[in-house]
Amino acid sequence: MDLQLKDKVIVITGGAKGIGAAITRTGVDEGTIPVIVDRDQQALQQIEKELKAKHKQALCIAAELSKPEECRRVVTEAHRQLGRIDALVNNAGVNDKIGLEEGSPEKY
């Protein structure tokens, strides 16, 4: 399958395990450069090791995304190391029934 994602920099929150890791792996198979964000440092190290063994590029960032300053740090670091962000897969967290248009950092 070609989703035309080759060389796209995609931030994947909660991307080190579970559904997020599956999204990360699928993206890598499609040629993306994932920015894998997760609060679980051990899971980040594991997926980074897995991708490096396949000679795949990835940026892993440990962050607690419930803190706005951590979100800013992730964006800054991705821009610093990769020069851009093409897309976001906002996978981390729980469904609290607050839409993005109605939310604020405090509500999340």
PDB file of N, CA and C in Angstrom:
ATOM      1  N   MET A   1       0.855  -1.166   0.000  1.00  0.00           N
ATOM      2  CA  MET A   1       0.000   0.000   0.000  1.00  0.00           C
ATOM      3  C   MET A   1       0.902   1.230   0.000  1.00  0.00           C
ATOM      4  N   ASP A   2       0.577   2.221  -0.813  1.00  0.00           N
ATOM      5  CA  ASP A   2       1.346   3.460  -0.836  1.00  0.00           C
ATOM      6  C   ASP A   2       0.445   4.611  -0.411  1.00  0.00           C
ATOM      7  N   LEU A   3       0.653   5.078   0.803  1.00  0.00           N
ATOM      8  CA  LEU A   3      -0.139   6.187   1.338  1.00  0.00           C
ATOM      9  C   LEU A   3       0.500   7.538   1.040  1.00  0.00           C
ATOM     10  N   GLN A   4       1.577   7.533   0.250  1.00  0.00           N
ATOM     11  CA  GLN A   4       2.299   8.748  -0.137  1.00  0.00           C
ATOM     12  C   GLN A   4       2.793   9.515   1.084  1.00  0.00           C
ATOM     13  N   LEU A   5       3.374   8.774   2.011  1.00  0.00           N
ATOM     14  CA  LEU A   5       3.895   9.364   3.246  1.00  0.00           C
ATOM     15  C   LEU A   5       5.417   9.350   3.306  1.00  0.00           C
ATOM     16  N   LYS A   6       6.066   8.954   2.237  1.00  0.00           N
ATOM     17  CA  LYS A   6       7.529   8.837   2.244  1.00  0.00           C
ATOM     18  C   LYS A   6       8.177  10.155   2.654  1.00  0.00           C
ATOM     19  N   ASP A   7       9.068  10.052   3.646  1.00  0.00           N
ATOM     20  CA  ASP A   7       9.847  11.178   4.176  1.00  0.00           C
ATOM     21  C   ASP A   7       9.013  12.230   4.908  1.00  0.00           C
ATOM     22  N   LYS A   8       7.769  11.935   5.220  1.00  0.00           N
ATOM     23  CA  LYS A   8       6.957  12.857   6.019  1.00  0.00           C
ATOM     24  C   LYS A   8       7.325  12.679   7.489  1.00  0.00           C
ATOM     25  N   VAL A   9       7.489  13.801   8.188  1.00  0.00           N
ATOM     26  CA  VAL A   9       7.791  13.784   9.621  1.00  0.00           C
ATOM     27  C   VAL A   9       6.457  13.799  10.358  1.00  0.00           C
ATOM     28  N   ILE A  10       6.189  12.723  11.083  1.00  0.00           N
ATOM     29  CA  ILE A  10       4.896  12.573  11.746  1.00  0.00           C
ATOM     30  C   ILE A  10       5.103  12.361  13.237  1.00  0.00           C
ATOM     31  N   VAL A  11       4.544  13.262  14.035  1.00  0.00           N
ATOM     32  CA  VAL A  11       4.581  13.135  15.491  1.00  0.00           C
ATOM     33  C   VAL A  11       3.479  12.161  15.893  1.00  0.00           C
ATOM     34  N   ILE A  12       3.858  11.136  16.649  1.00  0.00           N
ATOM     35  CA  ILE A  12       2.898  10.131  17.110  1.00  0.00           C
ATOM     36  C   ILE A  12       2.949  10.111  18.631  1.00  0.00           C
ATOM     37  N   THR A  13       1.918  10.659  19.267  1.00  0.00           N
ATOM     38  CA  THR A  13       1.886  10.658  20.725  1.00  0.00           C
ATOM     39  C   THR A  13       1.408   9.293  21.206  1.00  0.00           C
ATOM     40  N   GLY A  14       1.965   8.850  22.323  1.00  0.00           N
ATOM     41  CA  GLY A  14       1.661   7.501  22.797  1.00  0.00           C
ATOM     42  C   GLY A  14       2.140   6.460  21.803  1.00  0.00           C
ATOM     43  N   GLY A  15       3.229   6.770  21.104  1.00  0.00           N
ATOM     44  CA  GLY A  15       3.667   5.967  19.974  1.00  0.00           C
ATOM     45  C   GLY A  15       4.608   4.824  20.271  1.00  0.00           C
ATOM     46  N   ALA A  16       4.883   4.553  21.540  1.00  0.00           N
ATOM     47  CA  ALA A  16       5.875   3.528  21.871  1.00  0.00           C
ATOM     48  C   ALA A  16       5.284   2.163  22.209  1.00  0.00           C
ATOM     49  N   LYS A  17       3.985   2.103  22.423  1.00  0.00           N
ATOM     50  CA  LYS A  17       3.390   0.806  22.774  1.00  0.00           C
ATOM     51  C   LYS A  17       1.923   0.774  22.349  1.00  0.00           C
ATOM     52  N   GLY A  18       1.373  -0.415  22.323  1.00  0.00           N
ATOM     53  CA  GLY A  18      -0.037  -0.591  21.990  1.00  0.00           C
ATOM     54  C   GLY A  18      -0.389  -0.105  20.594  1.00  0.00           C
ATOM     55  N   ILE A  19      -1.546   0.538  20.491  1.00  0.00           N
ATOM     56  CA  ILE A  19      -2.020   1.056  19.208  1.00  0.00           C
ATOM     57  C   ILE A  19      -1.032   2.069  18.644  1.00  0.00           C
ATOM     58  N   GLY A  20      -0.462   2.896  19.504  1.00  0.00           N
ATOM     59  CA  GLY A  20       0.513   3.889  19.047  1.00  0.00           C
ATOM     60  C   GLY A  20       1.726   3.256  18.393  1.00  0.00           C
ATOM     61  N   ALA A  21       2.226   2.174  18.962  1.00  0.00           N
ATOM     62  CA  ALA A  21       3.370   1.473  18.366  1.00  0.00           C
ATOM     63  C   ALA A  21       2.983   0.865  17.023  1.00  0.00           C
ATOM     64  N   ALA A  22       1.768   0.359  16.914  1.00  0.00           N
ATOM     65  CA  ALA A  22       1.298  -0.183  15.632  1.00  0.00           C
ATOM     66  C   ALA A  22       1.218   0.929  14.587  1.00  0.00           C
ATOM     67  N   ILE A  23       0.760   2.100  14.993  1.00  0.00           N
ATOM     68  CA  ILE A  23       0.717   3.254  14.087  1.00  0.00           C
ATOM     69  C   ILE A  23       2.137   3.633  13.672  1.00  0.00           C
ATOM     70  N   THR A  24       3.052   3.652  14.635  1.00  0.00           N
ATOM     71  CA  THR A  24       4.451   3.965  14.345  1.00  0.00           C
ATOM     72  C   THR A  24       5.017   2.987  13.327  1.00  0.00           C
ATOM     73  N   ARG A  25       4.837   1.704  13.563  1.00  0.00           N
ATOM     74  CA  ARG A  25       5.387   0.682  12.657  1.00  0.00           C
ATOM     75  C   ARG A  25       4.785   0.791  11.257  1.00  0.00           C
ATOM     76  N   THR A  26       3.489   1.021  11.184  1.00  0.00           N
ATOM     77  CA  THR A  26       2.832   1.173   9.883  1.00  0.00           C
ATOM     78  C   THR A  26       3.383   2.390   9.152  1.00  0.00           C
ATOM     79  N   GLY A  27       3.545   3.489   9.875  1.00  0.00           N
ATOM     80  CA  GLY A  27       4.120   4.686   9.263  1.00  0.00           C
ATOM     81  C   GLY A  27       5.521   4.448   8.744  1.00  0.00           C
ATOM     82  N   VAL A  28       6.338   3.785   9.543  1.00  0.00           N
ATOM     83  CA  VAL A  28       7.713   3.475   9.127  1.00  0.00           C
ATOM     84  C   VAL A  28       7.698   2.594   7.877  1.00  0.00           C
ATOM     85  N   ASP A  29       6.801   1.628   7.832  1.00  0.00           N
ATOM     86  CA  ASP A  29       6.686   0.774   6.647  1.00  0.00           C
ATOM     87  C   ASP A  29       6.316   1.590   5.406  1.00  0.00           C
ATOM     88  N   GLU A  30       5.622   2.708   5.615  1.00  0.00           N
ATOM     89  CA  GLU A  30       5.237   3.594   4.513  1.00  0.00           C
ATOM     90  C   GLU A  30       6.293   4.660   4.226  1.00  0.00           C
ATOM     91  N   GLY A  31       7.396   4.635   4.982  1.00  0.00           N
ATOM     92  CA  GLY A  31       8.497   5.556   4.711  1.00  0.00           C
ATOM     93  C   GLY A  31       8.503   6.836   5.514  1.00  0.00           C
ATOM     94  N   THR A  32       7.661   6.923   6.538  1.00  0.00           N
ATOM     95  CA  THR A  32       7.646   8.139   7.352  1.00  0.00           C
ATOM     96  C   THR A  32       8.870   8.208   8.255  1.00  0.00           C
ATOM     97  N   ILE A  33       9.115   9.397   8.761  1.00  0.00           N
ATOM     98  CA  ILE A  33      10.107   9.616   9.807  1.00  0.00           C
ATOM     99  C   ILE A  33       9.298   9.931  11.066  1.00  0.00           C
ATOM    100  N   PRO A  34       9.140   8.959  11.956  1.00  0.00           N
ATOM    101  CA  PRO A  34       8.292   9.198  13.120  1.00  0.00           C
ATOM    102  C   PRO A  34       9.012   9.946  14.235  1.00  0.00           C
ATOM    103  N   VAL A  35       8.272  10.840  14.865  1.00  0.00           N
ATOM    104  CA  VAL A  35       8.683  11.436  16.132  1.00  0.00           C
ATOM    105  C   VAL A  35       7.813  10.733  17.162  1.00  0.00           C
ATOM    106  N   ILE A  36       8.400   9.791  17.866  1.00  0.00           N
ATOM    107  CA  ILE A  36       7.652   8.932  18.779  1.00  0.00           C
ATOM    108  C   ILE A  36       7.698   9.568  20.160  1.00  0.00           C
ATOM    109  N   VAL A  37       6.535   9.939  20.662  1.00  0.00           N
ATOM    110  CA  VAL A  37       6.439  10.609  21.956  1.00  0.00           C
ATOM    111  C   VAL A  37       5.692   9.692  22.911  1.00  0.00           C
ATOM    112  N   ASP A  38       6.284   9.467  24.075  1.00  0.00           N
ATOM    113  CA  ASP A  38       5.652   8.609  25.071  1.00  0.00           C
ATOM    114  C   ASP A  38       6.233   8.953  26.435  1.00  0.00           C
ATOM    115  N   ARG A  39       5.478   8.743  27.480  1.00  0.00           N
ATOM    116  CA  ARG A  39       6.013   8.999  28.820  1.00  0.00           C
ATOM    117  C   ARG A  39       6.759   7.793  29.380  1.00  0.00           C
ATOM    118  N   ASP A  40       6.636   6.652  28.714  1.00  0.00           N
ATOM    119  CA  ASP A  40       7.282   5.415  29.149  1.00  0.00           C
ATOM    120  C   ASP A  40       8.663   5.299  28.489  1.00  0.00           C
ATOM    121  N   GLN A  41       9.699   5.705  29.212  1.00  0.00           N
ATOM    122  CA  GLN A  41      11.061   5.719  28.686  1.00  0.00           C
ATOM    123  C   GLN A  41      11.510   4.328  28.234  1.00  0.00           C
ATOM    124  N   GLN A  42      11.154   3.315  28.987  1.00  0.00           N
ATOM    125  CA  GLN A  42      11.553   1.947  28.647  1.00  0.00           C
ATOM    126  C   GLN A  42      10.925   1.504  27.319  1.00  0.00           C
ATOM    127  N   ALA A  43       9.654   1.812  27.134  1.00  0.00           N
ATOM    128  CA  ALA A  43       8.981   1.468  25.875  1.00  0.00           C
ATOM    129  C   ALA A  43       9.591   2.242  24.710  1.00  0.00           C
ATOM    130  N   LEU A  44       9.964   3.499  24.942  1.00  0.00           N
ATOM    131  CA  LEU A  44      10.631   4.291  23.906  1.00  0.00           C
ATOM    132  C   LEU A  44      11.953   3.657  23.496  1.00  0.00           C
ATOM    133  N   GLN A  45      12.723   3.240  24.482  1.00  0.00           N
ATOM    134  CA  GLN A  45      14.010   2.612  24.179  1.00  0.00           C
ATOM    135  C   GLN A  45      13.816   1.330  23.379  1.00  0.00           C
ATOM    136  N   GLN A  46      12.791   0.574  23.705  1.00  0.00           N
ATOM    137  CA  GLN A  46      12.525  -0.688  23.008  1.00  0.00           C
ATOM    138  C   GLN A  46      12.161  -0.452  21.547  1.00  0.00           C
ATOM    139  N   ILE A  47      11.248   0.482  21.285  1.00  0.00           N
ATOM    140  CA  ILE A  47      10.846   0.706  19.892  1.00  0.00           C
ATOM    141  C   ILE A  47      11.976   1.364  19.104  1.00  0.00           C
ATOM    142  N   GLU A  48      12.766   2.201  19.769  1.00  0.00           N
ATOM    143  CA  GLU A  48      13.918   2.808  19.094  1.00  0.00           C
ATOM    144  C   GLU A  48      14.916   1.720  18.681  1.00  0.00           C
ATOM    145  N   LYS A  49      15.174   0.780  19.573  1.00  0.00           N
ATOM    146  CA  LYS A  49      16.081  -0.336  19.283  1.00  0.00           C
ATOM    147  C   LYS A  49      15.545  -1.166  18.111  1.00  0.00           C
ATOM    148  N   GLU A  50      14.251  -1.435  18.136  1.00  0.00           N
ATOM    149  CA  GLU A  50      13.609  -2.208  17.064  1.00  0.00           C
ATOM    150  C   GLU A  50      13.772  -1.515  15.708  1.00  0.00           C
ATOM    151  N   LEU A  51      13.526  -0.209  15.678  1.00  0.00           N
ATOM    152  CA  LEU A  51      13.607   0.522  14.415  1.00  0.00           C
ATOM    153  C   LEU A  51      15.048   0.660  13.936  1.00  0.00           C
ATOM    154  N   LYS A  52      15.977   0.874  14.864  1.00  0.00           N
ATOM    155  CA  LYS A  52      17.391   0.971  14.481  1.00  0.00           C
ATOM    156  C   LYS A  52      17.890  -0.345  13.898  1.00  0.00           C
ATOM    157  N   ALA A  53      17.411  -1.464  14.424  1.00  0.00           N
ATOM    158  CA  ALA A  53      17.802  -2.773  13.895  1.00  0.00           C
ATOM    159  C   ALA A  53      17.358  -2.934  12.442  1.00  0.00           C
ATOM    160  N   LYS A  54      16.309  -2.219  12.061  1.00  0.00           N
ATOM    161  CA  LYS A  54      15.809  -2.243  10.682  1.00  0.00           C
ATOM    162  C   LYS A  54      16.378  -1.082   9.867  1.00  0.00           C
ATOM    163  N   HIS A  55      17.321  -0.340  10.463  1.00  0.00           N
ATOM    164  CA  HIS A  55      17.953   0.816   9.813  1.00  0.00           C
ATOM    165  C   HIS A  55      16.927   1.883   9.446  1.00  0.00           C
ATOM    166  N   LYS A  56      15.980   2.114  10.332  1.00  0.00           N
ATOM    167  CA  LYS A  56      14.943   3.119  10.119  1.00  0.00           C
ATOM    168  C   LYS A  56      15.222   4.335  10.994  1.00  0.00           C
ATOM    169  N   GLN A  57      14.985   5.518  10.439  1.00  0.00           N
ATOM    170  CA  GLN A  57      15.184   6.759  11.181  1.00  0.00           C
ATOM    171  C   GLN A  57      13.960   7.040  12.046  1.00  0.00           C
ATOM    172  N   ALA A  58      14.206   7.469  13.279  1.00  0.00           N
ATOM    173  CA  ALA A  58      13.126   7.853  14.186  1.00  0.00           C
ATOM    174  C   ALA A  58      13.703   8.767  15.254  1.00  0.00           C
ATOM    175  N   LEU A  59      12.866   9.647  15.757  1.00  0.00           N
ATOM    176  CA  LEU A  59      13.224  10.493  16.886  1.00  0.00           C
ATOM    177  C   LEU A  59      12.304  10.107  18.034  1.00  0.00           C
ATOM    178  N   CYS A  60      12.886   9.708  19.154  1.00  0.00           N
ATOM    179  CA  CYS A  60      12.104   9.314  20.327  1.00  0.00           C
ATOM    180  C   CYS A  60      12.255  10.380  21.396  1.00  0.00           C
ATOM    181  N   ILE A  61      11.121  10.836  21.925  1.00  0.00           N
ATOM    182  CA  ILE A  61      11.127  11.878  22.948  1.00  0.00           C
ATOM    183  C   ILE A  61      10.242  11.437  24.106  1.00  0.00           C
ATOM    184  N   ALA A  62      10.828  11.378  25.292  1.00  0.00           N
ATOM    185  CA  ALA A  62      10.048  11.098  26.498  1.00  0.00           C
ATOM    186  C   ALA A  62       9.405  12.401  26.956  1.00  0.00           C
ATOM    187  N   ALA A  63       8.097  12.369  27.169  1.00  0.00           N
ATOM    188  CA  ALA A  63       7.392  13.580  27.587  1.00  0.00           C
ATOM    189  C   ALA A  63       6.085  13.211  28.273  1.00  0.00           C
ATOM    190  N   GLU A  64       5.710  14.038  29.234  1.00  0.00           N
ATOM    191  CA  GLU A  64       4.412  13.934  29.907  1.00  0.00           C
ATOM    192  C   GLU A  64       3.511  14.992  29.275  1.00  0.00           C
ATOM    193  N   LEU A  65       2.663  14.577  28.350  1.00  0.00           N
ATOM    194  CA  LEU A  65       1.910  15.517  27.533  1.00  0.00           C
ATOM    195  C   LEU A  65       0.746  16.186  28.253  1.00  0.00           C
ATOM    196  N   SER A  66       0.516  15.849  29.505  1.00  0.00           N
ATOM    197  CA  SER A  66      -0.496  16.578  30.274  1.00  0.00           C
ATOM    198  C   SER A  66       0.035  17.942  30.710  1.00  0.00           C
ATOM    199  N   LYS A  67       1.320  18.183  30.491  1.00  0.00           N
ATOM    200  CA  LYS A  67       1.955  19.459  30.843  1.00  0.00           C
ATOM    201  C   LYS A  67       2.220  20.253  29.566  1.00  0.00           C
ATOM    202  N   PRO A  68       1.600  21.432  29.417  1.00  0.00           N
ATOM    203  CA  PRO A  68       1.774  22.225  28.189  1.00  0.00           C
ATOM    204  C   PRO A  68       3.234  22.498  27.830  1.00  0.00           C
ATOM    205  N   GLU A  69       4.080  22.708  28.830  1.00  0.00           N
ATOM    206  CA  GLU A  69       5.490  22.987  28.533  1.00  0.00           C
ATOM    207  C   GLU A  69       6.181  21.776  27.903  1.00  0.00           C
ATOM    208  N   GLU A  70       5.734  20.578  28.253  1.00  0.00           N
ATOM    209  CA  GLU A  70       6.282  19.371  27.645  1.00  0.00           C
ATOM    210  C   GLU A  70       5.852  19.260  26.176  1.00  0.00           C
ATOM    211  N   CYS A  71       4.618  19.649  25.892  1.00  0.00           N
ATOM    212  CA  CYS A  71       4.145  19.660  24.502  1.00  0.00           C
ATOM    213  C   CYS A  71       4.988  20.612  23.665  1.00  0.00           C
ATOM    214  N   ARG A  72       5.239  21.797  24.205  1.00  0.00           N
ATOM    215  CA  ARG A  72       6.075  22.776  23.493  1.00  0.00           C
ATOM    216  C   ARG A  72       7.487  22.231  23.279  1.00  0.00           C
ATOM    217  N   ARG A  73       8.017  21.552  24.277  1.00  0.00           N
ATOM    218  CA  ARG A  73       9.369  20.991  24.168  1.00  0.00           C
ATOM    219  C   ARG A  73       9.439  19.949  23.045  1.00  0.00           C
ATOM    220  N   VAL A  74       8.415  19.123  22.928  1.00  0.00           N
ATOM    221  CA  VAL A  74       8.379  18.108  21.868  1.00  0.00           C
ATOM    222  C   VAL A  74       8.414  18.776  20.495  1.00  0.00           C
ATOM    223  N   VAL A  75       7.571  19.786  20.304  1.00  0.00           N
ATOM    224  CA  VAL A  75       7.520  20.485  19.015  1.00  0.00           C
ATOM    225  C   VAL A  75       8.858  21.150  18.715  1.00  0.00           C
ATOM    226  N   THR A  76       9.420  21.824  19.711  1.00  0.00           N
ATOM    227  CA  THR A  76      10.709  22.495  19.531  1.00  0.00           C
ATOM    228  C   THR A  76      11.799  21.501  19.163  1.00  0.00           C
ATOM    229  N   GLU A  77      11.848  20.382  19.859  1.00  0.00           N
ATOM    230  CA  GLU A  77      12.884  19.373  19.605  1.00  0.00           C
ATOM    231  C   GLU A  77      12.716  18.732  18.229  1.00  0.00           C
ATOM    232  N   ALA A  78      11.493  18.456  17.838  1.00  0.00           N
ATOM    233  CA  ALA A  78      11.252  17.881  16.510  1.00  0.00           C
ATOM    234  C   ALA A  78      11.706  18.853  15.421  1.00  0.00           C
ATOM    235  N   HIS A  79      11.368  20.116  15.576  1.00  0.00           N
ATOM    236  CA  HIS A  79      11.802  21.132  14.605  1.00  0.00           C
ATOM    237  C   HIS A  79      13.318  21.268  14.596  1.00  0.00           C
ATOM    238  N   ARG A  80      13.924  21.247  15.763  1.00  0.00           N
ATOM    239  CA  ARG A  80      15.374  21.412  15.856  1.00  0.00           C
ATOM    240  C   ARG A  80      16.101  20.258  15.164  1.00  0.00           C
ATOM    241  N   GLN A  81      15.639  19.042  15.404  1.00  0.00           N
ATOM    242  CA  GLN A  81      16.350  17.880  14.871  1.00  0.00           C
ATOM    243  C   GLN A  81      15.953  17.505  13.443  1.00  0.00           C
ATOM    244  N   LEU A  82      14.706  17.756  13.071  1.00  0.00           N
ATOM    245  CA  LEU A  82      14.229  17.295  11.765  1.00  0.00           C
ATOM    246  C   LEU A  82      13.798  18.421  10.832  1.00  0.00           C
ATOM    247  N   GLY A  83      13.694  19.641  11.360  1.00  0.00           N
ATOM    248  CA  GLY A  83      13.409  20.792  10.513  1.00  0.00           C
ATOM    249  C   GLY A  83      11.958  21.088  10.233  1.00  0.00           C
ATOM    250  N   ARG A  84      11.088  20.164  10.557  1.00  0.00           N
ATOM    251  CA  ARG A  84       9.671  20.384  10.263  1.00  0.00           C
ATOM    252  C   ARG A  84       8.827  19.291  10.926  1.00  0.00           C
ATOM    253  N   ILE A  85       7.520  19.526  10.940  1.00  0.00           N
ATOM    254  CA  ILE A  85       6.527  18.518  11.312  1.00  0.00           C
ATOM    255  C   ILE A  85       5.470  18.560  10.219  1.00  0.00           C
ATOM    256  N   ASP A  86       5.201  17.409   9.616  1.00  0.00           N
ATOM    257  CA  ASP A  86       4.211  17.351   8.542  1.00  0.00           C
ATOM    258  C   ASP A  86       2.827  16.929   9.029  1.00  0.00           C
ATOM    259  N   ALA A  87       2.777  16.158  10.116  1.00  0.00           N
ATOM    260  CA  ALA A  87       1.485  15.659  10.595  1.00  0.00           C
ATOM    261  C   ALA A  87       1.587  15.250  12.058  1.00  0.00           C
ATOM    262  N   LEU A  88       0.423  15.145  12.689  1.00  0.00           N
ATOM    263  CA  LEU A  88       0.313  14.715  14.083  1.00  0.00           C
ATOM    264  C   LEU A  88      -0.704  13.591  14.175  1.00  0.00           C
ATOM    265  N   VAL A  89      -0.323  12.514  14.853  1.00  0.00           N
ATOM    266  CA  VAL A  89      -1.269  11.465  15.237  1.00  0.00           C
ATOM    267  C   VAL A  89      -1.405  11.600  16.747  1.00  0.00           C
ATOM    268  N   ASN A  90      -2.522  12.160  17.173  1.00  0.00           N
ATOM    269  CA  ASN A  90      -2.742  12.487  18.578  1.00  0.00           C
ATOM    270  C   ASN A  90      -3.362  11.276  19.276  1.00  0.00           C
ATOM    271  N   ASN A  91      -2.527  10.290  19.588  1.00  0.00           N
ATOM    272  CA  ASN A  91      -2.978   8.997  20.091  1.00  0.00           C
ATOM    273  C   ASN A  91      -2.940   8.896  21.615  1.00  0.00           C
ATOM    274  N   ALA A  92      -2.113   9.683  22.278  1.00  0.00           N
ATOM    275  CA  ALA A  92      -1.945   9.558  23.736  1.00  0.00           C
ATOM    276  C   ALA A  92      -3.184  10.038  24.479  1.00  0.00           C
ATOM    277  N   GLY A  93      -3.398   9.442  25.644  1.00  0.00           N
ATOM    278  CA  GLY A  93      -4.452   9.930  26.522  1.00  0.00           C
ATOM    279  C   GLY A  93      -5.708   9.092  26.474  1.00  0.00           C
ATOM    280  N   VAL A  94      -6.730   9.643  27.076  1.00  0.00           N
ATOM    281  CA  VAL A  94      -8.020   8.968  27.160  1.00  0.00           C
ATOM    282  C   VAL A  94      -9.080   9.835  26.506  1.00  0.00           C
ATOM    283  N   ASN A  95     -10.170   9.226  26.134  1.00  0.00           N
ATOM    284  CA  ASN A  95     -11.272   9.967  25.537  1.00  0.00           C
ATOM    285  C   ASN A  95     -12.115  10.571  26.655  1.00  0.00           C
ATOM    286  N   ASP A  96     -12.015  11.877  26.796  1.00  0.00           N
ATOM    287  CA  ASP A  96     -12.782  12.556  27.844  1.00  0.00           C
ATOM    288  C   ASP A  96     -13.969  13.320  27.270  1.00  0.00           C
ATOM    289  N   LYS A  97     -14.277  13.052  25.996  1.00  0.00           N
ATOM    290  CA  LYS A  97     -15.428  13.624  25.301  1.00  0.00           C
ATOM    291  C   LYS A  97     -15.348  15.139  25.149  1.00  0.00           C
ATOM    292  N   ILE A  98     -14.132  15.685  25.157  1.00  0.00           N
ATOM    293  CA  ILE A  98     -13.927  17.108  24.892  1.00  0.00           C
ATOM    294  C   ILE A  98     -13.296  17.218  23.515  1.00  0.00           C
ATOM    295  N   GLY A  99     -13.982  17.864  22.597  1.00  0.00           N
ATOM    296  CA  GLY A  99     -13.441  18.048  21.254  1.00  0.00           C
ATOM    297  C   GLY A  99     -12.308  19.060  21.250  1.00  0.00           C
ATOM    298  N   LEU A 100     -11.437  18.964  20.260  1.00  0.00           N
ATOM    299  CA  LEU A 100     -10.307  19.890  20.170  1.00  0.00           C
ATOM    300  C   LEU A 100     -10.761  21.338  20.121  1.00  0.00           C
ATOM    301  N   GLU A 101     -11.851  21.593  19.413  1.00  0.00           N
ATOM    302  CA  GLU A 101     -12.335  22.967  19.272  1.00  0.00           C
ATOM    303  C   GLU A 101     -12.881  23.534  20.579  1.00  0.00           C
ATOM    304  N   GLU A 102     -13.239  22.683  21.520  1.00  0.00           N
ATOM    305  CA  GLU A 102     -13.802  23.124  22.799  1.00  0.00           C
ATOM    306  C   GLU A 102     -12.806  23.029  23.941  1.00  0.00           C
ATOM    307  N   GLY A 103     -11.675  22.403  23.689  1.00  0.00           N
ATOM    308  CA  GLY A 103     -10.724  22.116  24.757  1.00  0.00           C
ATOM    309  C   GLY A 103      -9.754  23.241  25.050  1.00  0.00           C
ATOM    310  N   SER A 104      -9.060  23.067  26.129  1.00  0.00           N
ATOM    311  CA  SER A 104      -7.969  23.945  26.543  1.00  0.00           C
ATOM    312  C   SER A 104      -6.976  23.054  27.285  1.00  0.00           C
ATOM    313  N   PRO A 105      -5.751  23.519  27.484  1.00  0.00           N
ATOM    314  CA  PRO A 105      -4.805  22.693  28.245  1.00  0.00           C
ATOM    315  C   PRO A 105      -5.348  22.290  29.618  1.00  0.00           C
ATOM    316  N   GLU A 106      -6.089  23.177  30.246  1.00  0.00           N
ATOM    317  CA  GLU A 106      -6.633  22.875  31.574  1.00  0.00           C
ATOM    318  C   GLU A 106      -7.675  21.752  31.516  1.00  0.00           C
ATOM    319  N   LYS A 107      -8.499  21.743  30.470  1.00  0.00           N
ATOM    320  CA  LYS A 107      -9.524  20.702  30.338  1.00  0.00           C
ATOM    321  C   LYS A 107      -8.921  19.348  30.016  1.00  0.00           C
ATOM    322  N   TYR A 108      -7.807  19.362  29.278  1.00  0.00           N
ATOM    323  CA  TYR A 108      -7.166  18.107  28.916  1.00  0.00           C
ATOM    324  C   TYR A 108      -6.336  17.600  30.054  1.00  0.00           C
TER     325      TYR A 108
END
